[in-house]
Amino acid sequence: MQKLWLTKRPGHIGGRIPTRTTKTEQHGREEVVPATAIPIASVPLTPEEFGEILGDAGSHDAFITKDRSKFAEPRWRDVPYIPFKGKFKGAKVTLQVRGVKYILKPATVENIKFIAQGDQVVLLCTVNAPEPEEGLRVGSMLNQPCNISIQGGSMADKSDEQGELGLEGGGPAETDDPETLADVEREEEEATRRATGDEDEPVSRMGRKIQNTARKSSKKQR
């Protein structure tokens, strides 16, 4: 099962933190409690962490390339981000903002996107969790740098949230027929090269998934 474990590192909190409610287990029964959804941006990932989240060690090389120059850059220059269709539940998220530490649990990390910045992948996400007992100083958190760590998040069990790259409404097409799969992948590669102007060969199966996502994203932006 895919996990989300990130040690303490810098990030940035967005400009709006909506208040909502959620159901959680308290005192042996399910209760509705105040909750919050905190947008987090600019969280750097190592190549190993990026690969672990996507379940493929070759993910970083599939997303970022030096094939065109000596500088690292996204393989698809016209694609602003790669969306990740899935969420991690049951996490413990620790935020430190302006010297104040908040522990959010059990938290769900969702609305995940990946952006290539130079040779590094950065994470954008939303952290949904019950408000801590001491409350949140929302006004002092907005648009602020922070430190964040995430421990123990597990991929949601729901079959349509199994960590596929892709836009809402479906990720890359899959099939068990080897001949059909080869045909589909070849068509995807040719279409992507025509659409993006890139002649790079895909580096892995994950590269093909990213290519397909890039193609769908490019069409949606037109």
Protein backbone atom coordinates (compact mmCIF):
# COMPACT_ATOMS: atom_id res chain seq x y z
CA MET A 1 0.00 0.00 0.00
CA GLN A 2 1.29 3.47 -0.90
CA LYS A 3 2.22 5.62 2.09
CA LEU A 4 2.89 9.30 2.67
CA TRP A 5 5.74 9.97 5.09
CA LEU A 6 7.47 13.36 4.88
CA THR A 7 9.97 14.58 7.46
CA LYS A 8 9.92 18.20 8.62
CA ARG A 9 10.50 20.63 5.74
CA PRO A 10 9.43 24.07 4.50
CA GLY A 11 6.10 24.79 2.84
CA HIS A 12 3.64 27.63 2.38
CA ILE A 13 0.03 28.05 3.52
CA GLY A 14 -2.56 29.46 1.12
CA GLY A 15 -4.69 32.56 1.48
CA ARG A 16 -7.99 30.92 2.43
CA ILE A 17 -8.75 28.34 5.12
CA PRO A 18 -12.44 27.35 5.08
CA THR A 19 -14.12 26.01 8.21
CA ARG A 20 -16.21 22.87 7.93
CA THR A 21 -17.28 19.84 9.95
CA THR A 22 -16.24 16.22 9.81
CA LYS A 23 -17.16 12.95 11.49
CA THR A 24 -14.60 11.42 13.79
CA GLU A 25 -14.42 8.77 16.50
CA GLN A 26 -14.49 10.34 19.97
CA HIS A 27 -15.23 8.77 23.33
CA GLY A 28 -16.21 5.50 21.69
CA ARG A 29 -18.76 6.98 19.30
CA GLU A 30 -18.86 8.92 16.05
CA GLU A 31 -19.30 12.66 16.52
CA VAL A 32 -19.48 15.69 14.24
CA VAL A 33 -16.66 18.09 15.13
CA PRO A 34 -15.27 21.37 13.70
CA ALA A 35 -12.77 20.75 10.93
CA THR A 36 -10.60 22.73 8.57
CA ALA A 37 -9.10 22.42 5.09
CA ILE A 38 -5.64 23.94 4.88
CA PRO A 39 -4.09 24.49 1.43
CA ILE A 40 -0.36 23.75 1.42
CA ALA A 41 2.08 24.61 -1.38
CA SER A 42 5.79 24.56 -2.21
CA VAL A 43 6.66 21.38 -0.29
CA PRO A 44 9.87 19.95 -1.79
CA LEU A 45 10.16 16.21 -2.46
CA THR A 46 13.24 14.08 -3.00
CA PRO A 47 13.24 11.81 -6.08
CA GLU A 48 12.82 8.84 -3.73
CA GLU A 49 9.79 10.38 -1.99
CA PHE A 50 8.17 11.28 -5.31
CA GLY A 51 8.67 7.72 -6.53
CA GLU A 52 7.28 6.25 -3.32
CA ILE A 53 4.11 8.36 -3.53
CA LEU A 54 3.49 7.26 -7.12
CA GLY A 55 4.63 3.68 -6.53
CA ASP A 56 7.33 3.84 -9.22
CA ALA A 57 11.02 4.51 -8.58
CA GLY A 58 11.42 6.00 -12.09
CA SER A 59 8.84 8.75 -11.58
CA HIS A 60 11.33 11.60 -11.15
CA ASP A 61 13.19 10.80 -14.37
CA ALA A 62 9.85 10.44 -16.17
CA PHE A 63 8.73 13.91 -15.04
CA ILE A 64 11.97 15.93 -15.24
CA THR A 65 14.59 15.75 -17.98
CA LYS A 66 17.99 17.15 -18.99
CA ASP A 67 17.71 15.71 -22.49
CA ARG A 68 17.20 19.09 -24.18
CA SER A 69 19.89 21.03 -22.32
CA LYS A 70 22.25 20.83 -19.36
CA PHE A 71 19.51 22.33 -17.16
CA ALA A 72 16.74 20.26 -15.59
CA GLU A 73 13.23 21.11 -16.81
CA PRO A 74 9.79 19.52 -17.13
CA ARG A 75 9.45 17.14 -20.05
CA TRP A 76 6.30 19.05 -21.07
CA ARG A 77 6.87 22.79 -20.88
CA ASP A 78 3.23 23.70 -21.49
CA VAL A 79 1.88 21.55 -18.63
CA PRO A 80 1.83 23.57 -15.36
CA TYR A 81 1.34 20.60 -13.06
CA ILE A 82 0.61 16.89 -12.87
CA PRO A 83 -2.55 16.05 -10.87
CA PHE A 84 -2.65 12.98 -8.66
CA LYS A 85 -5.98 11.18 -8.36
CA GLY A 86 -6.02 9.80 -4.84
CA LYS A 87 -5.86 10.74 -1.18
CA PHE A 88 -3.97 9.65 1.92
CA LYS A 89 -5.98 9.10 5.10
CA GLY A 90 -5.15 8.66 8.76
CA ALA A 91 -2.09 10.90 8.73
CA LYS A 92 -0.59 12.97 11.52
CA VAL A 93 0.27 16.39 10.09
CA THR A 94 2.41 18.77 12.12
CA LEU A 95 2.42 22.44 11.07
CA GLN A 96 4.62 25.13 12.55
CA VAL A 97 3.61 28.67 11.64
CA ARG A 98 5.21 31.79 13.12
CA GLY A 99 6.53 29.79 16.05
CA VAL A 100 3.19 28.09 16.85
CA LYS A 101 2.91 24.32 16.40
CA TYR A 102 -0.34 22.64 15.36
CA ILE A 103 -0.89 18.87 15.31
CA LEU A 104 -3.69 17.78 12.99
CA LYS A 105 -4.96 14.19 13.24
CA PRO A 106 -6.48 12.14 11.86
CA ALA A 107 -5.80 14.11 8.69
CA THR A 108 -6.60 13.43 5.06
CA VAL A 109 -4.15 14.74 2.46
CA GLU A 110 -5.90 15.27 -0.87
CA ASN A 111 -6.14 17.54 -3.95
CA ILE A 112 -2.53 16.59 -4.62
CA LYS A 113 -0.60 18.13 -7.50
CA PHE A 114 3.06 17.94 -8.49
CA ILE A 115 5.03 20.80 -10.05
CA ALA A 116 8.53 20.58 -11.55
CA GLN A 117 10.80 23.39 -10.36
CA GLY A 118 14.28 23.00 -11.79
CA ASP A 119 15.45 19.51 -10.92
CA GLN A 120 13.03 19.21 -8.00
CA VAL A 121 9.40 18.17 -7.68
CA VAL A 122 7.26 20.18 -5.25
CA LEU A 123 3.97 19.09 -3.72
CA LEU A 124 0.71 21.03 -3.48
CA CYS A 125 -2.13 19.58 -1.42
CA THR A 126 -5.01 20.21 0.96
CA VAL A 127 -4.91 18.94 4.55
CA ASN A 128 -8.39 18.13 5.92
CA ALA A 129 -8.57 17.43 9.64
CA PRO A 130 -10.54 18.11 12.82
CA GLU A 131 -9.44 21.31 14.49
CA PRO A 132 -7.02 20.75 17.37
CA GLU A 133 -8.41 21.30 20.86
CA GLU A 134 -6.47 24.53 21.23
CA GLY A 135 -8.02 25.82 17.99
CA LEU A 136 -6.35 27.42 14.99
CA ARG A 137 -5.11 31.00 14.76
CA VAL A 138 -6.35 31.20 11.21
CA GLY A 139 -5.65 34.91 10.76
CA SER A 140 -1.97 34.46 11.57
CA MET A 141 -1.61 31.46 9.22
CA LEU A 142 -2.84 32.87 5.91
CA ASN A 143 -0.21 33.28 3.18
CA GLN A 144 2.54 32.36 5.62
CA PRO A 145 5.62 30.16 5.26
CA CYS A 146 5.50 27.10 7.47
CA ASN A 147 7.26 23.90 8.40
CA ILE A 148 5.32 20.71 7.77
CA SER A 149 5.74 17.01 8.44
CA ILE A 150 3.37 14.20 7.49
CA GLN A 151 3.40 10.81 9.19
CA GLY A 152 1.44 7.65 8.59
CA GLY A 153 -0.83 8.59 5.69
CA SER A 154 -2.17 5.53 3.82
CA MET A 155 -3.75 5.50 0.38
CA ALA A 156 -7.55 5.44 0.58
CA ASP A 157 -9.01 1.97 -0.01
CA LYS A 158 -11.70 3.10 -2.45
CA SER A 159 -10.97 1.54 -5.83
CA ASP A 160 -11.21 4.81 -7.77
CA GLU A 161 -8.67 6.51 -5.48
CA GLN A 162 -5.72 4.21 -5.99
CA GLY A 163 -3.16 6.86 -6.75
CA GLU A 164 -3.42 7.20 -10.52
CA LEU A 165 -2.02 10.18 -12.30
CA GLY A 166 -4.81 11.84 -14.20
CA LEU A 167 -7.40 14.55 -14.42
CA GLU A 168 -10.77 14.24 -12.75
CA GLY A 169 -12.95 11.86 -14.68
CA GLY A 170 -10.30 9.23 -15.34
CA GLY A 171 -6.62 8.52 -15.67
CA PRO A 172 -4.69 6.65 -18.35
CA ALA A 173 -6.51 3.78 -20.01
CA GLU A 174 -5.39 0.33 -18.85
CA THR A 175 -5.95 -3.10 -20.35
CA ASP A 176 -4.78 -6.66 -19.67
CA ASP A 177 -4.41 -7.54 -23.36
CA PRO A 178 -0.64 -7.24 -24.16
CA GLU A 179 -1.18 -6.53 -27.85
CA THR A 180 -3.87 -3.94 -27.17
CA LEU A 181 -1.73 -2.37 -24.45
CA ALA A 182 1.20 -2.01 -26.83
CA ASP A 183 -1.03 -0.37 -29.43
CA VAL A 184 -2.52 2.02 -26.88
CA GLU A 185 0.87 3.00 -25.51
CA ARG A 186 2.32 3.55 -28.98
CA GLU A 187 -0.61 5.77 -29.94
CA GLU A 188 -0.24 7.74 -26.72
CA GLU A 189 3.48 8.28 -27.29
CA GLU A 190 2.97 9.44 -30.88
CA ALA A 191 0.11 11.76 -29.93
CA THR A 192 2.09 13.27 -27.07
CA ARG A 193 5.15 13.96 -29.23
CA ARG A 194 2.97 15.61 -31.87
CA ALA A 195 1.13 17.71 -29.27
CA THR A 196 4.16 18.83 -27.26
CA GLY A 197 6.91 18.85 -29.84
CA ASP A 198 9.03 16.54 -27.67
CA GLU A 199 10.80 13.67 -29.36
CA ASP A 200 12.08 12.07 -26.16
CA GLU A 201 11.34 8.38 -25.80
CA PRO A 202 9.38 7.46 -22.66
CA VAL A 203 11.71 6.31 -19.89
CA SER A 204 9.34 3.93 -18.13
CA ARG A 205 5.74 2.86 -17.77
CA MET A 206 5.32 5.77 -15.34
CA GLY A 207 6.68 8.02 -18.10
CA ARG A 208 3.89 6.84 -20.36
CA LYS A 209 1.32 7.60 -17.68
CA ILE A 210 2.74 11.09 -17.22
CA GLN A 211 2.78 11.58 -20.98
CA ASN A 212 -0.87 10.64 -21.23
CA THR A 213 -1.78 12.97 -18.37
CA ALA A 214 0.21 15.78 -20.00
CA ARG A 215 -1.64 15.25 -23.27
CA LYS A 216 -5.05 15.39 -21.54
CA SER A 217 -4.01 18.46 -19.55
CA SER A 218 -2.79 20.23 -22.69
CA LYS A 219 -6.09 19.58 -24.47
CA LYS A 220 -8.06 20.86 -21.48
CA GLN A 221 -6.10 24.12 -21.40
CA ARG A 222 -6.74 24.92 -25.08
